[in-house]
Structures are given as C-alpha cells and as structure tokens.
C-alpha cells in the first residue's frame, strides 16, 4: 500500500463511513474530529463548497499536530443547483427525500490533504450522478424513522436501507458513501512523492 514515509495518517472526520472505507483499502490511521460546524459554512458553487470545507477541516486538525498527513473531506448532494447537506430535522429529511424521488442528483465530495510540518496542501473533488426511483411517502417515513438519514448529506446513505431507492449510478460508488477511494488513493500517492 501507500508508504507514508514514517508519517501518521490522520482522518479529520468522525464519519464511521469514511473510517470504514479507509480500513477497506488497508490504511492505518488515527481519527481526530475537526468538530467544525458545517452549518456555518455555505457556498453557492458545489465544487467550491466541498473543497473549502474539506480544506478547513484538514487545516483545523493540522494546527494541533506536529507531524503527519491530515485528511479532510466533505460531501454534499446537489439537485438542480440546490445544495442539500445534512438534514436538521426529520421533517427536513423527509422533504429532501421527496425532492430526490424520481430524479437524478449529483453527489460531490471534496478531499484535502495537509502535511505537517511543511503545511503543504493538496485538494480535489469527485462527482457522481445518482438516480432515485419514485418513492412513496410511507417508505420515506419508514426510512426517516430509522434516524439513519440524520447524519448524511441529502438525507440518505447508499450503504443502508436507502440502497433500494437507487436505480442508477454514474461514477464512483464510494463517493456516494462520502469518500472517493480511487481519487483519494491516487492523490495521496502523488502528494507523498512530491513532499
């Protein structure tokens, strides 16, 4: 796997899905949650939104370490130009899923790598198209009642019960889970070589 040149990899996220995906590719890492309030940050352009938040999360954690590579990430769902982050309530989760029903949306994830002590940073993003079948109000309500949508952009997680909502994906599946593995792996390799 990737040679970190003696540095530790630090995931600046409390997302269990991101940790699960890093483990999937054999990465050893520590978790230090950036504890950033994402609701205070909003950008109109999706690419800017995910890149800015991923960078801020990584930089916030990097401020408190002396040596390592910090990974920040941020995921949003975009439907016709409207950014859907994590729902603030069950009612909002239901409304998001109603909007996504029968339509195609785009999932964006920004990733940022920050090296310490150099402070060097690299960031990139991935986008994946996802199509939902038409959803009934009762099945939306049942899914929202599981509380699974509450910590997920767009109020769904393709790795849980909402997998049955999805009829098509174009692009990186893991991006829809919140962490584009292939892009991350390639960027991490080039980042370490150029350090």
N, C-alpha and C. Protein backbone atom coordinates (compact mmCIF):
# COMPACT_ATOMS: atom_id res chain seq x y z
N UNK A 1 0.85 -1.20 0.00
CA UNK A 1 0.00 0.00 0.00
C UNK A 1 0.88 1.25 0.00
N UNK A 2 0.29 2.37 0.35
CA UNK A 2 1.00 3.65 0.30
C UNK A 2 2.05 3.72 1.41
N UNK A 3 3.26 4.16 1.05
CA UNK A 3 4.31 4.39 2.03
C UNK A 3 4.20 5.83 2.53
N UNK A 4 3.88 5.99 3.79
CA UNK A 4 3.69 7.33 4.36
C UNK A 4 5.00 7.95 4.85
N UNK A 5 6.13 7.29 4.55
CA UNK A 5 7.44 7.82 4.93
C UNK A 5 7.54 8.12 6.43
N UNK A 6 6.99 7.22 7.24
CA UNK A 6 7.08 7.38 8.69
C UNK A 6 6.07 8.33 9.29
N UNK A 7 5.26 8.97 8.46
CA UNK A 7 4.24 9.89 8.98
C UNK A 7 2.97 9.13 9.31
N UNK A 8 2.22 9.65 10.27
CA UNK A 8 0.92 9.03 10.55
C UNK A 8 -0.15 9.72 9.72
N UNK A 9 -1.15 8.93 9.34
CA UNK A 9 -2.29 9.46 8.60
C UNK A 9 -3.37 9.78 9.61
N UNK A 10 -3.95 10.96 9.50
CA UNK A 10 -4.99 11.40 10.45
C UNK A 10 -6.24 11.77 9.68
N UNK A 11 -7.34 11.13 10.02
CA UNK A 11 -8.63 11.43 9.41
C UNK A 11 -9.33 12.50 10.24
N UNK A 12 -9.58 13.66 9.63
CA UNK A 12 -10.20 14.79 10.34
C UNK A 12 -11.72 14.69 10.25
N UNK A 13 -12.25 13.53 10.63
CA UNK A 13 -13.68 13.28 10.49
C UNK A 13 -14.13 12.22 11.48
N UNK A 14 -15.33 12.41 12.01
CA UNK A 14 -15.91 11.40 12.90
C UNK A 14 -16.83 10.46 12.13
N UNK A 15 -16.84 10.59 10.79
CA UNK A 15 -17.73 9.76 9.97
C UNK A 15 -17.32 8.29 10.03
N UNK A 16 -18.20 7.42 10.52
CA UNK A 16 -17.86 6.00 10.55
C UNK A 16 -17.69 5.42 9.15
N UNK A 17 -18.38 6.00 8.17
CA UNK A 17 -18.26 5.50 6.80
C UNK A 17 -16.88 5.80 6.22
N UNK A 18 -16.36 6.99 6.48
CA UNK A 18 -15.02 7.31 5.96
C UNK A 18 -13.96 6.41 6.61
N UNK A 19 -14.10 6.19 7.90
CA UNK A 19 -13.16 5.29 8.59
C UNK A 19 -13.26 3.88 8.02
N UNK A 20 -14.47 3.43 7.78
CA UNK A 20 -14.69 2.08 7.22
C UNK A 20 -14.03 1.96 5.85
N UNK A 21 -14.13 3.01 5.03
CA UNK A 21 -13.57 2.96 3.68
C UNK A 21 -12.05 3.01 3.70
N UNK A 22 -11.46 3.78 4.60
CA UNK A 22 -10.00 3.78 4.72
C UNK A 22 -9.49 2.41 5.16
N UNK A 23 -10.23 1.77 6.07
CA UNK A 23 -9.84 0.42 6.51
C UNK A 23 -9.97 -0.57 5.36
N UNK A 24 -10.96 -0.37 4.51
CA UNK A 24 -11.20 -1.26 3.37
C UNK A 24 -9.97 -1.35 2.46
N UNK A 25 -9.24 -0.24 2.32
CA UNK A 25 -8.05 -0.25 1.45
C UNK A 25 -6.75 -0.44 2.26
N UNK A 26 -6.90 -0.87 3.51
CA UNK A 26 -5.74 -1.25 4.30
C UNK A 26 -4.95 -0.11 4.91
N UNK A 27 -5.56 1.06 5.02
CA UNK A 27 -4.86 2.21 5.59
C UNK A 27 -4.89 2.15 7.12
N UNK A 28 -3.76 2.50 7.72
CA UNK A 28 -3.71 2.68 9.17
C UNK A 28 -3.78 4.18 9.44
N UNK A 29 -4.62 4.57 10.39
CA UNK A 29 -4.84 6.00 10.61
C UNK A 29 -5.39 6.24 12.01
N UNK A 30 -5.30 7.49 12.42
CA UNK A 30 -5.93 7.96 13.65
C UNK A 30 -7.12 8.82 13.27
N UNK A 31 -8.05 8.97 14.17
CA UNK A 31 -9.18 9.86 13.92
C UNK A 31 -9.10 11.03 14.90
N UNK A 32 -9.11 12.24 14.36
CA UNK A 32 -9.23 13.45 15.18
C UNK A 32 -10.33 14.28 14.53
N UNK A 33 -11.49 14.33 15.14
CA UNK A 33 -12.63 15.06 14.59
C UNK A 33 -12.32 16.55 14.57
N UNK A 34 -12.56 17.18 13.43
CA UNK A 34 -12.32 18.63 13.32
C UNK A 34 -13.34 19.42 14.15
N UNK A 35 -14.47 18.80 14.45
CA UNK A 35 -15.57 19.43 15.21
C UNK A 35 -16.01 20.76 14.58
N UNK A 36 -15.87 20.85 13.27
CA UNK A 36 -16.27 22.06 12.57
C UNK A 36 -17.78 22.08 12.38
N UNK A 37 -18.39 23.23 12.61
CA UNK A 37 -19.83 23.36 12.42
C UNK A 37 -20.09 23.66 10.95
N UNK A 38 -20.49 22.63 10.20
CA UNK A 38 -20.69 22.78 8.76
C UNK A 38 -21.85 23.69 8.43
N UNK A 39 -22.79 23.84 9.34
CA UNK A 39 -23.96 24.68 9.06
C UNK A 39 -23.60 26.17 8.98
N UNK A 40 -22.42 26.53 9.52
CA UNK A 40 -21.97 27.92 9.45
C UNK A 40 -21.33 28.26 8.11
N UNK A 41 -21.12 27.23 7.28
CA UNK A 41 -20.41 27.42 6.01
C UNK A 41 -21.36 27.13 4.85
N UNK A 42 -21.40 28.04 3.89
CA UNK A 42 -22.24 27.81 2.73
C UNK A 42 -21.67 28.54 1.52
N UNK A 43 -21.54 27.82 0.44
CA UNK A 43 -21.03 28.38 -0.80
C UNK A 43 -22.00 27.99 -1.91
N UNK A 44 -22.17 28.86 -2.88
CA UNK A 44 -23.14 28.63 -3.94
C UNK A 44 -22.67 27.56 -4.92
N UNK A 45 -21.38 27.57 -5.25
CA UNK A 45 -20.84 26.63 -6.23
C UNK A 45 -20.47 25.32 -5.51
N UNK A 46 -21.05 24.19 -5.93
CA UNK A 46 -20.81 22.92 -5.22
C UNK A 46 -19.34 22.55 -5.06
N UNK A 47 -18.56 22.71 -6.14
CA UNK A 47 -17.14 22.35 -6.07
C UNK A 47 -16.41 23.20 -5.03
N UNK A 48 -16.73 24.48 -5.00
CA UNK A 48 -16.12 25.39 -4.02
C UNK A 48 -16.54 24.98 -2.61
N UNK A 49 -17.82 24.66 -2.44
CA UNK A 49 -18.34 24.27 -1.12
C UNK A 49 -17.56 23.09 -0.54
N UNK A 50 -17.46 21.99 -1.32
CA UNK A 50 -16.81 20.80 -0.77
C UNK A 50 -15.30 20.97 -0.61
N UNK A 51 -14.67 21.72 -1.52
CA UNK A 51 -13.23 21.94 -1.39
C UNK A 51 -12.92 22.82 -0.18
N UNK A 52 -13.67 23.90 -0.01
CA UNK A 52 -13.44 24.81 1.13
C UNK A 52 -13.62 24.08 2.46
N UNK A 53 -14.71 23.32 2.58
CA UNK A 53 -14.96 22.64 3.84
C UNK A 53 -13.94 21.54 4.12
N UNK A 54 -13.57 20.79 3.09
CA UNK A 54 -12.56 19.74 3.27
C UNK A 54 -11.23 20.37 3.72
N UNK A 55 -10.86 21.48 3.08
CA UNK A 55 -9.61 22.17 3.43
C UNK A 55 -9.66 22.71 4.86
N UNK A 56 -10.77 23.33 5.22
CA UNK A 56 -10.88 23.91 6.57
C UNK A 56 -10.83 22.83 7.65
N UNK A 57 -11.49 21.69 7.40
CA UNK A 57 -11.46 20.59 8.36
C UNK A 57 -10.03 20.07 8.54
N UNK A 58 -9.34 19.85 7.41
CA UNK A 58 -7.96 19.34 7.48
C UNK A 58 -7.03 20.34 8.16
N UNK A 59 -7.17 21.61 7.82
CA UNK A 59 -6.28 22.63 8.40
C UNK A 59 -6.53 22.80 9.89
N UNK A 60 -7.80 22.70 10.30
CA UNK A 60 -8.12 22.86 11.72
C UNK A 60 -7.44 21.77 12.56
N UNK A 61 -7.46 20.54 12.08
CA UNK A 61 -6.81 19.44 12.80
C UNK A 61 -5.28 19.58 12.70
N UNK A 62 -4.79 19.98 11.52
CA UNK A 62 -3.35 20.12 11.30
C UNK A 62 -2.71 21.15 12.24
N UNK A 63 -3.48 22.16 12.65
CA UNK A 63 -2.96 23.19 13.56
C UNK A 63 -2.47 22.59 14.88
N UNK A 64 -3.02 21.44 15.26
CA UNK A 64 -2.71 20.87 16.56
C UNK A 64 -1.81 19.64 16.53
N UNK A 65 -1.21 19.36 15.37
CA UNK A 65 -0.27 18.24 15.31
C UNK A 65 1.08 18.73 14.77
N UNK A 66 2.13 18.00 15.10
CA UNK A 66 3.46 18.43 14.66
C UNK A 66 3.94 17.65 13.44
N UNK A 67 3.47 16.40 13.28
CA UNK A 67 3.96 15.58 12.18
C UNK A 67 2.87 14.61 11.73
N UNK A 68 2.58 14.62 10.44
CA UNK A 68 1.57 13.70 9.91
C UNK A 68 0.95 14.24 8.64
N UNK A 69 0.05 13.44 8.08
CA UNK A 69 -0.73 13.86 6.92
C UNK A 69 -2.20 13.81 7.35
N UNK A 70 -2.85 14.98 7.30
CA UNK A 70 -4.25 15.10 7.72
C UNK A 70 -5.16 15.04 6.49
N UNK A 71 -6.22 14.25 6.60
CA UNK A 71 -7.19 14.10 5.51
C UNK A 71 -8.51 14.73 5.95
N UNK A 72 -8.97 15.71 5.18
CA UNK A 72 -10.28 16.30 5.41
C UNK A 72 -11.20 15.94 4.26
N UNK A 73 -12.49 15.86 4.53
CA UNK A 73 -13.44 15.53 3.45
C UNK A 73 -14.79 16.18 3.75
N UNK A 74 -15.52 16.45 2.68
CA UNK A 74 -16.88 16.99 2.84
C UNK A 74 -17.72 16.51 1.66
N UNK A 75 -18.96 16.10 1.97
CA UNK A 75 -19.86 15.56 0.95
C UNK A 75 -21.17 16.32 0.95
N UNK A 76 -21.67 16.62 -0.25
CA UNK A 76 -22.99 17.23 -0.39
C UNK A 76 -23.74 16.55 -1.53
N UNK A 77 -25.04 16.73 -1.53
CA UNK A 77 -25.90 16.28 -2.62
C UNK A 77 -26.43 17.54 -3.30
N UNK A 78 -26.42 17.55 -4.64
CA UNK A 78 -26.88 18.73 -5.38
C UNK A 78 -27.97 18.30 -6.35
N UNK A 79 -29.11 18.97 -6.25
CA UNK A 79 -30.25 18.71 -7.14
C UNK A 79 -30.62 20.01 -7.83
N UNK A 80 -30.45 20.04 -9.14
CA UNK A 80 -30.76 21.25 -9.93
C UNK A 80 -30.15 22.51 -9.33
N UNK A 81 -28.90 22.41 -8.91
CA UNK A 81 -28.19 23.57 -8.38
C UNK A 81 -28.40 23.84 -6.90
N UNK A 82 -29.34 23.13 -6.27
CA UNK A 82 -29.59 23.32 -4.83
C UNK A 82 -28.74 22.34 -4.03
N UNK A 83 -27.98 22.88 -3.08
CA UNK A 83 -27.12 22.05 -2.24
C UNK A 83 -27.94 21.49 -1.07
N UNK A 84 -27.91 20.16 -0.94
CA UNK A 84 -28.58 19.51 0.18
C UNK A 84 -27.50 18.91 1.09
N UNK A 85 -27.38 19.49 2.27
CA UNK A 85 -26.43 18.98 3.25
C UNK A 85 -27.12 17.97 4.15
N UNK A 86 -26.70 17.93 5.40
CA UNK A 86 -27.34 17.03 6.36
C UNK A 86 -28.63 17.67 6.85
N UNK A 87 -29.70 16.89 6.96
CA UNK A 87 -30.97 17.47 7.43
C UNK A 87 -30.90 17.87 8.90
N UNK A 88 -31.58 18.97 9.23
CA UNK A 88 -31.59 19.46 10.61
C UNK A 88 -32.71 18.82 11.43
N UNK A 89 -33.67 18.18 10.75
CA UNK A 89 -34.80 17.57 11.45
C UNK A 89 -35.37 16.44 10.61
N UNK A 90 -36.24 15.65 11.21
CA UNK A 90 -36.91 14.56 10.47
C UNK A 90 -37.76 15.13 9.34
N UNK A 91 -38.39 16.26 9.62
CA UNK A 91 -39.24 16.91 8.61
C UNK A 91 -38.40 17.32 7.40
N UNK A 92 -37.21 17.88 7.67
CA UNK A 92 -36.32 18.29 6.58
C UNK A 92 -35.80 17.07 5.82
N UNK A 93 -35.51 15.98 6.53
CA UNK A 93 -35.05 14.75 5.88
C UNK A 93 -36.13 14.23 4.93
N UNK A 94 -37.38 14.24 5.39
CA UNK A 94 -38.50 13.79 4.56
C UNK A 94 -38.61 14.66 3.31
N UNK A 95 -38.50 15.97 3.49
CA UNK A 95 -38.62 16.91 2.37
C UNK A 95 -37.49 16.70 1.34
N UNK A 96 -36.28 16.44 1.83
CA UNK A 96 -35.15 16.19 0.92
C UNK A 96 -35.40 14.95 0.08
N UNK A 97 -35.83 13.87 0.73
CA UNK A 97 -36.07 12.62 0.02
C UNK A 97 -37.23 12.76 -0.97
N UNK A 98 -38.22 13.53 -0.62
CA UNK A 98 -39.33 13.80 -1.53
C UNK A 98 -38.81 14.52 -2.78
N UNK A 99 -37.88 15.48 -2.60
CA UNK A 99 -37.29 16.20 -3.73
C UNK A 99 -36.47 15.27 -4.62
N UNK A 100 -35.74 14.33 -4.01
CA UNK A 100 -34.86 13.44 -4.76
C UNK A 100 -35.63 12.33 -5.49
N UNK A 101 -36.85 12.07 -5.04
CA UNK A 101 -37.68 10.99 -5.59
C UNK A 101 -37.86 11.13 -7.11
N UNK A 102 -37.53 10.04 -7.83
CA UNK A 102 -37.74 10.01 -9.27
C UNK A 102 -36.82 10.89 -10.08
N UNK A 103 -35.75 11.38 -9.45
CA UNK A 103 -34.87 12.32 -10.15
C UNK A 103 -33.40 11.92 -10.03
N UNK A 104 -32.59 12.58 -10.84
CA UNK A 104 -31.14 12.36 -10.81
C UNK A 104 -30.48 13.54 -10.13
N UNK A 105 -29.59 13.24 -9.16
CA UNK A 105 -28.85 14.30 -8.47
C UNK A 105 -27.35 13.99 -8.57
N UNK A 106 -26.55 14.91 -8.09
CA UNK A 106 -25.10 14.74 -8.13
C UNK A 106 -24.55 14.79 -6.71
N UNK A 107 -23.71 13.81 -6.38
CA UNK A 107 -23.02 13.79 -5.09
C UNK A 107 -21.60 14.32 -5.32
N UNK A 108 -21.23 15.33 -4.55
CA UNK A 108 -19.88 15.89 -4.61
C UNK A 108 -19.17 15.58 -3.29
N UNK A 109 -17.93 15.15 -3.37
CA UNK A 109 -17.09 15.04 -2.18
C UNK A 109 -15.77 15.73 -2.45
N UNK A 110 -15.42 16.63 -1.55
CA UNK A 110 -14.11 17.27 -1.60
C UNK A 110 -13.18 16.54 -0.65
N UNK A 111 -11.91 16.40 -1.06
CA UNK A 111 -10.89 15.83 -0.17
C UNK A 111 -9.72 16.80 -0.10
N UNK A 112 -9.12 16.90 1.07
CA UNK A 112 -7.95 17.77 1.24
C UNK A 112 -6.91 17.03 2.07
N UNK A 113 -5.66 17.16 1.67
CA UNK A 113 -4.53 16.58 2.39
C UNK A 113 -3.63 17.72 2.85
N UNK A 114 -3.27 17.70 4.13
CA UNK A 114 -2.36 18.71 4.68
C UNK A 114 -1.20 17.99 5.34
N UNK A 115 0.01 18.35 4.95
CA UNK A 115 1.22 17.76 5.53
C UNK A 115 1.73 18.64 6.68
N UNK A 116 2.15 17.99 7.73
CA UNK A 116 2.84 18.69 8.81
C UNK A 116 4.19 18.02 8.97
N UNK A 117 5.27 18.74 9.13
CA UNK A 117 5.29 20.17 9.46
C UNK A 117 5.28 21.13 8.27
N UNK A 118 5.37 20.67 7.01
CA UNK A 118 5.56 21.60 5.88
C UNK A 118 4.36 22.52 5.65
N UNK A 119 3.15 22.07 6.00
CA UNK A 119 1.96 22.88 5.74
C UNK A 119 1.45 22.76 4.31
N UNK A 120 2.13 21.97 3.52
CA UNK A 120 1.73 21.78 2.12
C UNK A 120 0.34 21.16 2.05
N UNK A 121 -0.47 21.62 1.06
CA UNK A 121 -1.83 21.11 0.95
C UNK A 121 -2.16 20.74 -0.49
N UNK A 122 -2.95 19.70 -0.64
CA UNK A 122 -3.48 19.29 -1.94
C UNK A 122 -4.96 19.01 -1.76
N UNK A 123 -5.77 19.47 -2.70
CA UNK A 123 -7.20 19.16 -2.60
C UNK A 123 -7.77 18.85 -3.97
N UNK A 124 -8.87 18.13 -3.97
CA UNK A 124 -9.53 17.72 -5.20
C UNK A 124 -10.97 17.35 -4.84
N UNK A 125 -11.77 17.06 -5.86
CA UNK A 125 -13.14 16.64 -5.58
C UNK A 125 -13.57 15.60 -6.61
N UNK A 126 -14.61 14.88 -6.25
CA UNK A 126 -15.20 13.88 -7.14
C UNK A 126 -16.69 14.16 -7.24
N UNK A 127 -17.29 13.80 -8.38
CA UNK A 127 -18.75 13.93 -8.54
C UNK A 127 -19.30 12.66 -9.13
N UNK A 128 -20.47 12.25 -8.63
CA UNK A 128 -21.14 11.03 -9.07
C UNK A 128 -22.62 11.32 -9.26
N UNK A 129 -23.18 10.86 -10.37
CA UNK A 129 -24.61 11.02 -10.61
C UNK A 129 -25.37 9.84 -10.02
N UNK A 130 -26.46 10.14 -9.33
CA UNK A 130 -27.28 9.09 -8.70
C UNK A 130 -28.74 9.33 -9.09
N UNK A 131 -29.42 8.28 -9.51
CA UNK A 131 -30.84 8.38 -9.87
C UNK A 131 -31.67 7.58 -8.88
N UNK A 132 -32.72 8.23 -8.37
CA UNK A 132 -33.69 7.58 -7.48
C UNK A 132 -34.92 7.17 -8.27
N UNK A 133 -35.53 6.05 -7.88
CA UNK A 133 -36.85 5.70 -8.40
C UNK A 133 -37.88 6.57 -7.69
N UNK A 134 -39.12 6.51 -8.14
CA UNK A 134 -40.19 7.24 -7.46
C UNK A 134 -40.41 6.62 -6.08
N UNK A 135 -40.43 7.45 -5.06
CA UNK A 135 -40.58 6.97 -3.69
C UNK A 135 -41.96 7.33 -3.15
N UNK A 136 -42.53 6.39 -2.39
CA UNK A 136 -43.81 6.66 -1.74
C UNK A 136 -43.60 7.35 -0.40
N UNK A 137 -44.58 8.13 0.03
CA UNK A 137 -44.46 8.85 1.30
C UNK A 137 -44.29 7.91 2.49
N UNK A 138 -44.94 6.75 2.43
CA UNK A 138 -44.84 5.80 3.55
C UNK A 138 -43.43 5.23 3.66
N UNK A 139 -42.81 4.89 2.52
CA UNK A 139 -41.46 4.33 2.61
C UNK A 139 -40.44 5.40 3.01
N UNK A 140 -40.68 6.64 2.60
CA UNK A 140 -39.82 7.73 3.06
C UNK A 140 -39.95 7.86 4.58
N UNK A 141 -41.18 7.85 5.07
CA UNK A 141 -41.42 7.98 6.52
C UNK A 141 -40.78 6.84 7.30
N UNK A 142 -40.86 5.62 6.77
CA UNK A 142 -40.25 4.47 7.45
C UNK A 142 -38.73 4.63 7.52
N UNK A 143 -38.16 5.09 6.42
CA UNK A 143 -36.70 5.27 6.40
C UNK A 143 -36.28 6.40 7.34
N UNK A 144 -36.99 7.50 7.32
CA UNK A 144 -36.67 8.63 8.21
C UNK A 144 -36.79 8.21 9.67
N UNK A 145 -37.76 7.35 9.97
CA UNK A 145 -37.97 6.87 11.35
C UNK A 145 -36.78 6.08 11.89
N UNK A 146 -35.93 5.54 11.00
CA UNK A 146 -34.74 4.81 11.45
C UNK A 146 -33.65 5.76 11.97
N UNK A 147 -33.82 7.05 11.69
CA UNK A 147 -32.87 8.12 12.05
C UNK A 147 -31.56 8.02 11.28
N UNK A 148 -31.45 7.05 10.38
CA UNK A 148 -30.25 6.91 9.56
C UNK A 148 -29.97 8.14 8.69
N UNK A 149 -31.00 8.83 8.18
CA UNK A 149 -30.73 9.98 7.30
C UNK A 149 -30.11 11.19 8.00
N UNK A 150 -30.16 11.23 9.33
CA UNK A 150 -29.86 12.48 10.03
C UNK A 150 -28.40 12.95 9.95
N UNK A 151 -27.46 12.04 9.72
CA UNK A 151 -26.06 12.48 9.65
C UNK A 151 -25.50 12.34 8.23
N UNK A 152 -26.41 12.38 7.24
CA UNK A 152 -25.98 12.15 5.86
C UNK A 152 -26.46 13.26 4.93
N UNK A 153 -25.56 13.69 4.06
CA UNK A 153 -25.92 14.68 3.04
C UNK A 153 -27.04 14.13 2.17
N UNK A 154 -28.05 14.96 1.91
CA UNK A 154 -29.17 14.52 1.09
C UNK A 154 -30.12 13.59 1.81
N UNK A 155 -29.87 13.33 3.08
CA UNK A 155 -30.74 12.52 3.95
C UNK A 155 -30.80 11.05 3.56
N UNK A 156 -29.73 10.54 2.93
CA UNK A 156 -29.71 9.10 2.66
C UNK A 156 -28.28 8.59 2.65
N UNK A 157 -28.15 7.27 2.89
CA UNK A 157 -26.85 6.62 2.81
C UNK A 157 -26.97 5.39 1.94
N UNK A 158 -26.28 5.38 0.83
CA UNK A 158 -26.45 4.29 -0.14
C UNK A 158 -26.07 2.93 0.44
N UNK A 159 -25.33 2.93 1.55
CA UNK A 159 -24.90 1.67 2.17
C UNK A 159 -25.92 1.15 3.19
N UNK A 160 -27.04 1.86 3.37
CA UNK A 160 -28.05 1.40 4.33
C UNK A 160 -29.36 1.06 3.61
N UNK A 161 -30.48 1.12 4.33
CA UNK A 161 -31.77 0.72 3.76
C UNK A 161 -32.15 1.52 2.51
N UNK A 162 -31.62 2.72 2.38
CA UNK A 162 -31.97 3.55 1.22
C UNK A 162 -31.33 3.07 -0.07
N UNK A 163 -30.52 2.02 0.00
CA UNK A 163 -29.95 1.41 -1.22
C UNK A 163 -31.06 1.06 -2.21
N UNK A 164 -32.24 0.72 -1.69
CA UNK A 164 -33.35 0.33 -2.57
C UNK A 164 -34.00 1.53 -3.27
N UNK A 165 -33.59 2.75 -2.93
CA UNK A 165 -34.09 3.94 -3.60
C UNK A 165 -33.37 4.18 -4.93
N UNK A 166 -32.16 3.65 -5.06
CA UNK A 166 -31.25 3.99 -6.16
C UNK A 166 -31.42 3.04 -7.33
N UNK A 167 -31.67 3.62 -8.52
CA UNK A 167 -31.80 2.79 -9.72
C UNK A 167 -30.58 2.88 -10.62
N UNK A 168 -29.77 3.94 -10.49
CA UNK A 168 -28.59 4.07 -11.36
C UNK A 168 -27.54 4.96 -10.70
N UNK A 169 -26.28 4.60 -10.98
CA UNK A 169 -25.14 5.41 -10.52
C UNK A 169 -24.19 5.57 -11.70
N UNK A 170 -23.71 6.79 -11.91
CA UNK A 170 -22.69 7.03 -12.93
C UNK A 170 -21.52 7.71 -12.24
N UNK A 171 -20.43 6.95 -12.07
CA UNK A 171 -19.26 7.49 -11.37
C UNK A 171 -18.87 6.60 -10.21
N UNK A 172 -18.11 7.16 -9.28
CA UNK A 172 -17.55 6.42 -8.15
C UNK A 172 -18.62 6.11 -7.10
N UNK A 173 -18.86 4.82 -6.87
CA UNK A 173 -19.82 4.39 -5.84
C UNK A 173 -19.40 4.89 -4.46
N UNK A 174 -18.11 4.76 -4.13
CA UNK A 174 -17.64 5.13 -2.80
C UNK A 174 -17.78 6.63 -2.53
N UNK A 175 -17.78 7.42 -3.60
CA UNK A 175 -18.03 8.85 -3.45
C UNK A 175 -19.41 9.10 -2.85
N UNK A 176 -20.38 8.27 -3.24
CA UNK A 176 -21.75 8.42 -2.73
C UNK A 176 -21.78 8.08 -1.24
N UNK A 177 -20.87 7.21 -0.79
CA UNK A 177 -20.75 6.91 0.64
C UNK A 177 -20.02 8.01 1.40
N UNK A 178 -19.38 8.93 0.66
CA UNK A 178 -18.73 10.06 1.32
C UNK A 178 -17.23 10.10 1.22
N UNK A 179 -16.63 9.17 0.43
CA UNK A 179 -15.18 9.20 0.32
C UNK A 179 -14.74 8.49 -0.97
N UNK A 180 -14.34 9.26 -1.98
CA UNK A 180 -13.96 8.67 -3.27
C UNK A 180 -12.59 7.98 -3.18
N UNK A 181 -12.61 6.69 -2.96
CA UNK A 181 -11.39 5.95 -2.65
C UNK A 181 -10.32 6.02 -3.74
N UNK A 182 -10.70 5.80 -4.99
CA UNK A 182 -9.70 5.78 -6.07
C UNK A 182 -9.02 7.14 -6.20
N UNK A 183 -9.81 8.21 -6.16
CA UNK A 183 -9.23 9.55 -6.28
C UNK A 183 -8.35 9.87 -5.07
N UNK A 184 -8.82 9.53 -3.87
CA UNK A 184 -8.03 9.76 -2.66
C UNK A 184 -6.69 9.03 -2.74
N UNK A 185 -6.72 7.76 -3.13
CA UNK A 185 -5.52 6.94 -3.18
C UNK A 185 -4.50 7.53 -4.17
N UNK A 186 -4.99 7.90 -5.35
CA UNK A 186 -4.10 8.48 -6.37
C UNK A 186 -3.52 9.81 -5.90
N UNK A 187 -4.35 10.65 -5.29
CA UNK A 187 -3.88 11.97 -4.83
C UNK A 187 -2.90 11.82 -3.67
N UNK A 188 -3.15 10.87 -2.76
CA UNK A 188 -2.25 10.65 -1.64
C UNK A 188 -0.88 10.20 -2.14
N UNK A 189 -0.87 9.30 -3.11
CA UNK A 189 0.41 8.84 -3.67
C UNK A 189 1.22 9.99 -4.27
N UNK A 190 0.56 10.82 -5.09
CA UNK A 190 1.27 11.93 -5.72
C UNK A 190 1.68 12.98 -4.70
N UNK A 191 0.87 13.17 -3.67
CA UNK A 191 1.17 14.13 -2.59
C UNK A 191 2.43 13.72 -1.84
N UNK A 192 2.53 12.42 -1.53
CA UNK A 192 3.69 11.92 -0.77
C UNK A 192 4.96 11.94 -1.62
N UNK A 193 4.85 11.68 -2.90
CA UNK A 193 6.02 11.69 -3.78
C UNK A 193 6.57 13.11 -3.91
N UNK A 194 5.66 14.09 -3.97
CA UNK A 194 6.10 15.48 -4.17
C UNK A 194 6.54 16.16 -2.89
N UNK A 195 6.39 15.49 -1.74
CA UNK A 195 6.76 16.09 -0.45
C UNK A 195 8.26 15.99 -0.21
